[in-house]
Amino acid sequence: MYEPVDLIDIIRQTPGITAVIGGGGKSTFLARVGRSLAGRGLRTVLATSTHMFPASGVPFLAEAKPGILLTQTGVLEESTGKLTAPREPWEELAERADHVLVEADGSRGKPFKAHDEREPQIPAACARVVYIVGARGFGLPIYDVVHRPQLFCQLTGAAQSDLATPELIAAGIVSEGLVGLPGDLVVVNQTETDEAREQAEALARALAPAIGCPIIAGSLREDALYRLT
């Protein structure tokens, strides 16, 4: 049996800036975790260090203000309708809120991600990194499910036509070294089926010897998560 976990209890233990990277659920993570933190009385700001579409139903303020539990902030691009990084320094933004959730890379809708020299753009004052993995990509060709497949193959030695196994995805994550400190978190999202749960377990087995942070899995949309390590 899987041990259920309360994601909000995990996140609230480390206030400040949380950088969210990877693929397969970053926007869902920001919106759902943001609303849940605010629902527990914690001042929460959603933002990006790159580009993201605004979260639906979340008030937008060019600068975060005290007294409002949940807002999103940044510079709104008229040409794309996306938010970019806030004008105020991250340290000042963090002083205005209990939690600042930052989407710190882009994956173009892919469940997996390889980062180039420009990404992720993690704020210097970041307290935690959350790495999202989308389980729906397991078992499909790398060129279909990995953002920047060429770079991923350089990191792992795989071919773009190879299937994206849990072990290969784990190898890519470990080789980049972007997540793994004790306060960090890996979330394997989209594990609603038995097959996806088995693949999530295989990913955890491959990751656990190399990283020192918890690995959880489940569905961010359904707010049903459980502990793998």
C-alpha atoms as a PDB file:
ATOM      1  CA  MET A   1       0.000   0.000   0.000  1.00  0.00           C
ATOM      2  CA  TYR A   2       1.094   3.534  -0.724  1.00  0.00           C
ATOM      3  CA  GLU A   3       1.480   6.046   2.100  1.00  0.00           C
ATOM      4  CA  PRO A   4      -0.666   9.137   1.316  1.00  0.00           C
ATOM      5  CA  VAL A   5       1.045  12.494   1.741  1.00  0.00           C
ATOM      6  CA  ASP A   6      -0.271  16.015   2.099  1.00  0.00           C
ATOM      7  CA  LEU A   7       1.691  18.064  -0.438  1.00  0.00           C
ATOM      8  CA  ILE A   8       0.809  21.313   1.307  1.00  0.00           C
ATOM      9  CA  ASP A   9       2.239  20.082   4.601  1.00  0.00           C
ATOM     10  CA  ILE A  10       5.505  19.394   2.767  1.00  0.00           C
ATOM     11  CA  ILE A  11       5.628  22.755   0.987  1.00  0.00           C
ATOM     12  CA  ARG A  12       4.679  24.854   3.998  1.00  0.00           C
ATOM     13  CA  GLN A  13       7.656  23.500   5.960  1.00  0.00           C
ATOM     14  CA  THR A  14      10.010  25.616   3.843  1.00  0.00           C
ATOM     15  CA  PRO A  15       8.755  29.190   3.429  1.00  0.00           C
ATOM     16  CA  GLY A  16      10.224  31.581   0.893  1.00  0.00           C
ATOM     17  CA  ILE A  17      10.826  30.966  -2.803  1.00  0.00           C
ATOM     18  CA  THR A  18      10.060  27.574  -4.339  1.00  0.00           C
ATOM     19  CA  ALA A  19      11.326  27.107  -7.908  1.00  0.00           C
ATOM     20  CA  VAL A  20       9.249  24.639  -9.932  1.00  0.00           C
ATOM     21  CA  ILE A  21      10.995  23.008 -12.909  1.00  0.00           C
ATOM     22  CA  GLY A  22      10.642  20.030 -15.243  1.00  0.00           C
ATOM     23  CA  GLY A  23       7.517  19.128 -17.204  1.00  0.00           C
ATOM     24  CA  GLY A  24       4.109  17.530 -16.962  1.00  0.00           C
ATOM     25  CA  GLY A  25       2.316  19.694 -14.421  1.00  0.00           C
ATOM     26  CA  LYS A  26       4.165  22.874 -13.399  1.00  0.00           C
ATOM     27  CA  SER A  27       1.198  25.167 -14.023  1.00  0.00           C
ATOM     28  CA  THR A  28      -1.139  22.788 -12.207  1.00  0.00           C
ATOM     29  CA  PHE A  29       1.292  22.673  -9.292  1.00  0.00           C
ATOM     30  CA  LEU A  30       1.456  26.466  -9.002  1.00  0.00           C
ATOM     31  CA  ALA A  31      -2.304  26.964  -9.167  1.00  0.00           C
ATOM     32  CA  ARG A  32      -3.342  24.138  -6.849  1.00  0.00           C
ATOM     33  CA  VAL A  33      -0.576  24.559  -4.283  1.00  0.00           C
ATOM     34  CA  GLY A  34      -1.024  28.329  -4.322  1.00  0.00           C
ATOM     35  CA  ARG A  35      -4.752  28.093  -3.628  1.00  0.00           C
ATOM     36  CA  SER A  36      -4.223  25.493  -0.903  1.00  0.00           C
ATOM     37  CA  LEU A  37      -1.534  27.519   0.869  1.00  0.00           C
ATOM     38  CA  ALA A  38      -3.727  30.605   0.749  1.00  0.00           C
ATOM     39  CA  GLY A  39      -6.626  28.517   2.035  1.00  0.00           C
ATOM     40  CA  ARG A  40      -4.561  27.816   5.133  1.00  0.00           C
ATOM     41  CA  GLY A  41      -3.978  31.501   5.711  1.00  0.00           C
ATOM     42  CA  LEU A  42      -0.502  31.719   4.147  1.00  0.00           C
ATOM     43  CA  ARG A  43       0.257  34.702   1.921  1.00  0.00           C
ATOM     44  CA  THR A  44       1.206  33.212  -1.441  1.00  0.00           C
ATOM     45  CA  VAL A  45       2.445  34.731  -4.702  1.00  0.00           C
ATOM     46  CA  LEU A  46       2.638  32.976  -8.085  1.00  0.00           C
ATOM     47  CA  ALA A  47       5.307  34.173 -10.505  1.00  0.00           C
ATOM     48  CA  THR A  48       7.713  33.090 -13.213  1.00  0.00           C
ATOM     49  CA  SER A  49      11.361  33.720 -13.960  1.00  0.00           C
ATOM     50  CA  THR A  50      10.753  32.914 -17.653  1.00  0.00           C
ATOM     51  CA  HIS A  51       7.282  32.970 -19.272  1.00  0.00           C
ATOM     52  CA  MET A  52       3.944  31.488 -18.256  1.00  0.00           C
ATOM     53  CA  PHE A  53       0.260  32.010 -18.917  1.00  0.00           C
ATOM     54  CA  PRO A  54      -1.480  33.628 -15.943  1.00  0.00           C
ATOM     55  CA  ALA A  55      -3.276  31.256 -13.583  1.00  0.00           C
ATOM     56  CA  SER A  56      -7.018  31.412 -14.119  1.00  0.00           C
ATOM     57  CA  GLY A  57      -8.982  33.114 -11.351  1.00  0.00           C
ATOM     58  CA  VAL A  58      -5.933  34.354  -9.435  1.00  0.00           C
ATOM     59  CA  PRO A  59      -5.791  38.157  -8.959  1.00  0.00           C
ATOM     60  CA  PHE A  60      -2.959  39.858 -10.840  1.00  0.00           C
ATOM     61  CA  LEU A  61      -0.941  42.665  -9.280  1.00  0.00           C
ATOM     62  CA  ALA A  62       2.090  44.311 -10.848  1.00  0.00           C
ATOM     63  CA  GLU A  63       3.565  44.275  -7.332  1.00  0.00           C
ATOM     64  CA  ALA A  64       2.509  41.944  -4.519  1.00  0.00           C
ATOM     65  CA  LYS A  65       0.769  43.758  -1.674  1.00  0.00           C
ATOM     66  CA  PRO A  66       0.344  42.760   1.969  1.00  0.00           C
ATOM     67  CA  GLY A  67      -3.062  41.611   3.144  1.00  0.00           C
ATOM     68  CA  ILE A  68      -4.007  39.613   0.021  1.00  0.00           C
ATOM     69  CA  LEU A  69      -3.546  35.885   0.510  1.00  0.00           C
ATOM     70  CA  LEU A  70      -3.161  34.783  -3.127  1.00  0.00           C
ATOM     71  CA  THR A  71      -1.910  36.850  -6.062  1.00  0.00           C
ATOM     72  CA  GLN A  72       0.166  36.454  -9.179  1.00  0.00           C
ATOM     73  CA  THR A  73       2.687  39.037 -10.245  1.00  0.00           C
ATOM     74  CA  GLY A  74       5.111  39.887 -13.019  1.00  0.00           C
ATOM     75  CA  VAL A  75       5.161  41.816 -16.272  1.00  0.00           C
ATOM     76  CA  LEU A  76       2.294  40.996 -18.632  1.00  0.00           C
ATOM     77  CA  GLU A  77       3.331  40.752 -22.294  1.00  0.00           C
ATOM     78  CA  GLU A  78       0.605  42.166 -24.493  1.00  0.00           C
ATOM     79  CA  SER A  79       1.848  40.284 -27.566  1.00  0.00           C
ATOM     80  CA  THR A  80       1.671  36.823 -25.969  1.00  0.00           C
ATOM     81  CA  GLY A  81      -0.620  37.254 -22.977  1.00  0.00           C
ATOM     82  CA  LYS A  82       2.077  35.659 -20.827  1.00  0.00           C
ATOM     83  CA  LEU A  83       3.660  36.794 -17.591  1.00  0.00           C
ATOM     84  CA  THR A  84       7.396  37.371 -17.408  1.00  0.00           C
ATOM     85  CA  ALA A  85       9.597  37.934 -14.360  1.00  0.00           C
ATOM     86  CA  PRO A  86       8.534  40.559 -11.806  1.00  0.00           C
ATOM     87  CA  ARG A  87      10.261  43.935 -11.833  1.00  0.00           C
ATOM     88  CA  GLU A  88      10.922  43.927  -8.101  1.00  0.00           C
ATOM     89  CA  PRO A  89      13.836  41.846  -6.788  1.00  0.00           C
ATOM     90  CA  TRP A  90      12.994  38.299  -5.726  1.00  0.00           C
ATOM     91  CA  GLU A  91      14.266  38.963  -2.210  1.00  0.00           C
ATOM     92  CA  GLU A  92      11.811  41.832  -1.785  1.00  0.00           C
ATOM     93  CA  LEU A  93       8.981  39.774  -3.213  1.00  0.00           C
ATOM     94  CA  ALA A  94       9.735  36.999  -0.725  1.00  0.00           C
ATOM     95  CA  GLU A  95       9.544  39.484   2.133  1.00  0.00           C
ATOM     96  CA  ARG A  96       5.954  40.307   1.150  1.00  0.00           C
ATOM     97  CA  ALA A  97       4.705  36.711   1.248  1.00  0.00           C
ATOM     98  CA  ASP A  98       5.031  33.463   3.155  1.00  0.00           C
ATOM     99  CA  HIS A  99       5.506  31.520  -0.085  1.00  0.00           C
ATOM    100  CA  VAL A 100       6.518  32.529  -3.608  1.00  0.00           C
ATOM    101  CA  LEU A 101       5.955  29.773  -6.186  1.00  0.00           C
ATOM    102  CA  VAL A 102       8.065  30.383  -9.296  1.00  0.00           C
ATOM    103  CA  GLU A 103       7.775  28.565 -12.608  1.00  0.00           C
ATOM    104  CA  ALA A 104      11.460  28.566 -13.496  1.00  0.00           C
ATOM    105  CA  ASP A 105      11.624  26.891 -16.910  1.00  0.00           C
ATOM    106  CA  GLY A 106       9.504  25.983 -19.920  1.00  0.00           C
ATOM    107  CA  SER A 107       8.796  22.572 -21.403  1.00  0.00           C
ATOM    108  CA  ARG A 108       6.384  23.381 -24.276  1.00  0.00           C
ATOM    109  CA  GLY A 109       3.848  20.946 -22.924  1.00  0.00           C
ATOM    110  CA  LYS A 110       6.252  17.987 -22.872  1.00  0.00           C
ATOM    111  CA  PRO A 111       6.272  15.675 -19.842  1.00  0.00           C
ATOM    112  CA  PHE A 112      10.088  15.615 -19.656  1.00  0.00           C
ATOM    113  CA  LYS A 113      12.751  18.275 -20.002  1.00  0.00           C
ATOM    114  CA  ALA A 114      16.452  18.725 -20.697  1.00  0.00           C
ATOM    115  CA  HIS A 115      17.890  22.103 -19.679  1.00  0.00           C
ATOM    116  CA  ASP A 116      20.330  24.154 -21.712  1.00  0.00           C
ATOM    117  CA  GLU A 117      22.747  26.771 -20.374  1.00  0.00           C
ATOM    118  CA  ARG A 118      19.949  29.365 -20.053  1.00  0.00           C
ATOM    119  CA  GLU A 119      17.644  27.252 -17.908  1.00  0.00           C
ATOM    120  CA  PRO A 120      16.347  26.810 -15.386  1.00  0.00           C
ATOM    121  CA  GLN A 121      16.295  30.393 -14.183  1.00  0.00           C
ATOM    122  CA  ILE A 122      16.217  29.707 -10.450  1.00  0.00           C
ATOM    123  CA  PRO A 123      16.147  32.852  -8.284  1.00  0.00           C
ATOM    124  CA  ALA A 124      19.279  33.267  -6.196  1.00  0.00           C
ATOM    125  CA  ALA A 125      17.192  33.465  -3.025  1.00  0.00           C
ATOM    126  CA  CYS A 126      15.430  30.168  -3.754  1.00  0.00           C
ATOM    127  CA  ALA A 127      14.738  27.985  -0.703  1.00  0.00           C
ATOM    128  CA  ARG A 128      13.631  24.821  -2.518  1.00  0.00           C
ATOM    129  CA  VAL A 129      13.483  23.220  -5.974  1.00  0.00           C
ATOM    130  CA  VAL A 130      10.499  21.067  -6.968  1.00  0.00           C
ATOM    131  CA  TYR A 131      11.113  18.892 -10.035  1.00  0.00           C
ATOM    132  CA  ILE A 132       7.946  17.729 -11.842  1.00  0.00           C
ATOM    133  CA  VAL A 133       7.960  14.596 -14.010  1.00  0.00           C
ATOM    134  CA  GLY A 134       4.979  13.733 -16.225  1.00  0.00           C
ATOM    135  CA  ALA A 135       4.365   9.981 -16.138  1.00  0.00           C
ATOM    136  CA  ARG A 136       2.291  10.050 -19.332  1.00  0.00           C
ATOM    137  CA  GLY A 137       5.563  10.226 -21.284  1.00  0.00           C
ATOM    138  CA  PHE A 138       7.036   6.958 -20.038  1.00  0.00           C
ATOM    139  CA  GLY A 139       7.424   4.301 -22.743  1.00  0.00           C
ATOM    140  CA  LEU A 140       7.139   6.734 -25.670  1.00  0.00           C
ATOM    141  CA  PRO A 141       9.944   7.816 -28.033  1.00  0.00           C
ATOM    142  CA  ILE A 142      12.290  10.417 -26.589  1.00  0.00           C
ATOM    143  CA  TYR A 143      11.812  12.754 -29.568  1.00  0.00           C
ATOM    144  CA  ASP A 144       8.076  12.895 -28.822  1.00  0.00           C
ATOM    145  CA  VAL A 145       8.104  13.469 -25.063  1.00  0.00           C
ATOM    146  CA  VAL A 146      11.306  15.307 -24.105  1.00  0.00           C
ATOM    147  CA  HIS A 147      11.762  19.053 -24.598  1.00  0.00           C
ATOM    148  CA  ARG A 148      15.202  19.430 -26.223  1.00  0.00           C
ATOM    149  CA  PRO A 149      15.648  15.730 -27.054  1.00  0.00           C
ATOM    150  CA  GLN A 150      19.075  16.276 -28.623  1.00  0.00           C
ATOM    151  CA  LEU A 151      20.432  17.662 -25.368  1.00  0.00           C
ATOM    152  CA  PHE A 152      18.787  14.884 -23.375  1.00  0.00           C
ATOM    153  CA  CYS A 153      20.514  12.302 -25.566  1.00  0.00           C
ATOM    154  CA  GLN A 154      23.862  14.002 -25.059  1.00  0.00           C
ATOM    155  CA  LEU A 155      23.325  13.762 -21.305  1.00  0.00           C
ATOM    156  CA  THR A 156      22.235  10.121 -21.267  1.00  0.00           C
ATOM    157  CA  GLY A 157      23.851   8.504 -24.301  1.00  0.00           C
ATOM    158  CA  ALA A 158      20.432   7.499 -25.638  1.00  0.00           C
ATOM    159  CA  ALA A 159      19.134   7.854 -29.183  1.00  0.00           C
ATOM    160  CA  GLN A 160      16.142  10.070 -29.917  1.00  0.00           C
ATOM    161  CA  SER A 161      14.224   7.030 -31.171  1.00  0.00           C
ATOM    162  CA  ASP A 162      14.750   5.167 -27.869  1.00  0.00           C
ATOM    163  CA  LEU A 163      11.832   4.888 -25.486  1.00  0.00           C
ATOM    164  CA  ALA A 164      11.761   7.212 -22.493  1.00  0.00           C
ATOM    165  CA  THR A 165      12.118   4.650 -19.732  1.00  0.00           C
ATOM    166  CA  PRO A 166      12.057   5.614 -16.045  1.00  0.00           C
ATOM    167  CA  GLU A 167      15.737   4.725 -15.838  1.00  0.00           C
ATOM    168  CA  LEU A 168      16.681   7.061 -18.722  1.00  0.00           C
ATOM    169  CA  ILE A 169      14.628   9.918 -17.309  1.00  0.00           C
ATOM    170  CA  ALA A 170      16.283   9.380 -13.935  1.00  0.00           C
ATOM    171  CA  ALA A 171      19.710   9.431 -15.593  1.00  0.00           C
ATOM    172  CA  GLY A 172      18.896  12.778 -17.198  1.00  0.00           C
ATOM    173  CA  ILE A 173      17.741  14.287 -13.911  1.00  0.00           C
ATOM    174  CA  VAL A 174      20.801  13.061 -12.035  1.00  0.00           C
ATOM    175  CA  SER A 175      23.234  14.240 -14.727  1.00  0.00           C
ATOM    176  CA  GLU A 176      21.896  17.812 -14.540  1.00  0.00           C
ATOM    177  CA  GLY A 177      22.169  18.008 -10.747  1.00  0.00           C
ATOM    178  CA  LEU A 178      19.368  20.547 -10.392  1.00  0.00           C
ATOM    179  CA  VAL A 179      17.419  18.802  -7.643  1.00  0.00           C
ATOM    180  CA  GLY A 180      18.315  16.559  -4.744  1.00  0.00           C
ATOM    181  CA  LEU A 181      19.064  18.611  -1.628  1.00  0.00           C
ATOM    182  CA  PRO A 182      17.152  17.455   1.477  1.00  0.00           C
ATOM    183  CA  GLY A 183      14.652  20.303   1.237  1.00  0.00           C
ATOM    184  CA  ASP A 184      13.914  19.698  -2.452  1.00  0.00           C
ATOM    185  CA  LEU A 185      11.145  17.510  -3.853  1.00  0.00           C
ATOM    186  CA  VAL A 186      10.538  15.316  -6.914  1.00  0.00           C
ATOM    187  CA  VAL A 187       6.882  14.906  -7.941  1.00  0.00           C
ATOM    188  CA  VAL A 188       5.954  12.189 -10.453  1.00  0.00           C
ATOM    189  CA  ASN A 189       2.637  13.497 -11.737  1.00  0.00           C
ATOM    190  CA  GLN A 190      -0.041  11.744 -13.838  1.00  0.00           C
ATOM    191  CA  THR A 191       0.300   8.336 -12.151  1.00  0.00           C
ATOM    192  CA  GLU A 192      -3.406   7.440 -12.229  1.00  0.00           C
ATOM    193  CA  THR A 193      -2.970   3.899 -13.654  1.00  0.00           C
ATOM    194  CA  ASP A 194      -1.268   0.775 -12.318  1.00  0.00           C
ATOM    195  CA  GLU A 195       1.268   0.918 -15.148  1.00  0.00           C
ATOM    196  CA  ALA A 196       2.104   4.549 -14.398  1.00  0.00           C
ATOM    197  CA  ARG A 197       2.514   3.750 -10.706  1.00  0.00           C
ATOM    198  CA  GLU A 198       4.937   0.936 -11.549  1.00  0.00           C
ATOM    199  CA  GLN A 199       6.919   3.296 -13.775  1.00  0.00           C
ATOM    200  CA  ALA A 200       6.998   5.904 -11.004  1.00  0.00           C
ATOM    201  CA  GLU A 201       8.382   3.275  -8.633  1.00  0.00           C
ATOM    202  CA  ALA A 202      11.077   2.389 -11.190  1.00  0.00           C
ATOM    203  CA  LEU A 203      12.030   6.067 -11.481  1.00  0.00           C
ATOM    204  CA  ALA A 204      12.278   6.349  -7.696  1.00  0.00           C
ATOM    205  CA  ARG A 205      14.493   3.264  -7.493  1.00  0.00           C
ATOM    206  CA  ALA A 206      16.842   4.784 -10.069  1.00  0.00           C
ATOM    207  CA  LEU A 207      16.856   8.249  -8.476  1.00  0.00           C
ATOM    208  CA  ALA A 208      16.986   7.413  -4.779  1.00  0.00           C
ATOM    209  CA  PRO A 209      20.681   6.385  -4.582  1.00  0.00           C
ATOM    210  CA  ALA A 210      21.753   9.672  -6.189  1.00  0.00           C
ATOM    211  CA  ILE A 211      19.526  12.329  -4.585  1.00  0.00           C
ATOM    212  CA  GLY A 212      18.744  13.188  -0.991  1.00  0.00           C
ATOM    213  CA  CYS A 213      15.224  14.566  -1.274  1.00  0.00           C
ATOM    214  CA  PRO A 214      11.776  12.933  -1.043  1.00  0.00           C
ATOM    215  CA  ILE A 215      10.109  11.509  -4.148  1.00  0.00           C
ATOM    216  CA  ILE A 216       6.307  11.470  -4.269  1.00  0.00           C
ATOM    217  CA  ALA A 217       3.846  10.459  -6.971  1.00  0.00           C
ATOM    218  CA  GLY A 218       0.169  10.656  -7.839  1.00  0.00           C
ATOM    219  CA  SER A 219      -2.137  13.193  -9.457  1.00  0.00           C
ATOM    220  CA  LEU A 220      -1.783  16.927  -8.917  1.00  0.00           C
ATOM    221  CA  ARG A 221      -5.157  17.548 -10.560  1.00  0.00           C
ATOM    222  CA  GLU A 222      -6.907  15.163  -8.176  1.00  0.00           C
ATOM    223  CA  ASP A 223      -4.778  16.223  -5.200  1.00  0.00           C
ATOM    224  CA  ALA A 224      -4.024  12.546  -4.513  1.00  0.00           C
ATOM    225  CA  LEU A 225      -0.343  11.959  -3.799  1.00  0.00           C
ATOM    226  CA  TYR A 226       1.662   9.270  -2.061  1.00  0.00           C
ATOM    227  CA  ARG A 227       5.237   8.771  -0.913  1.00  0.00           C
ATOM    228  CA  LEU A 228       7.757   6.724  -2.870  1.00  0.00           C
ATOM    229  CA  THR A 229      10.858   7.510  -0.777  1.00  0.00           C
END
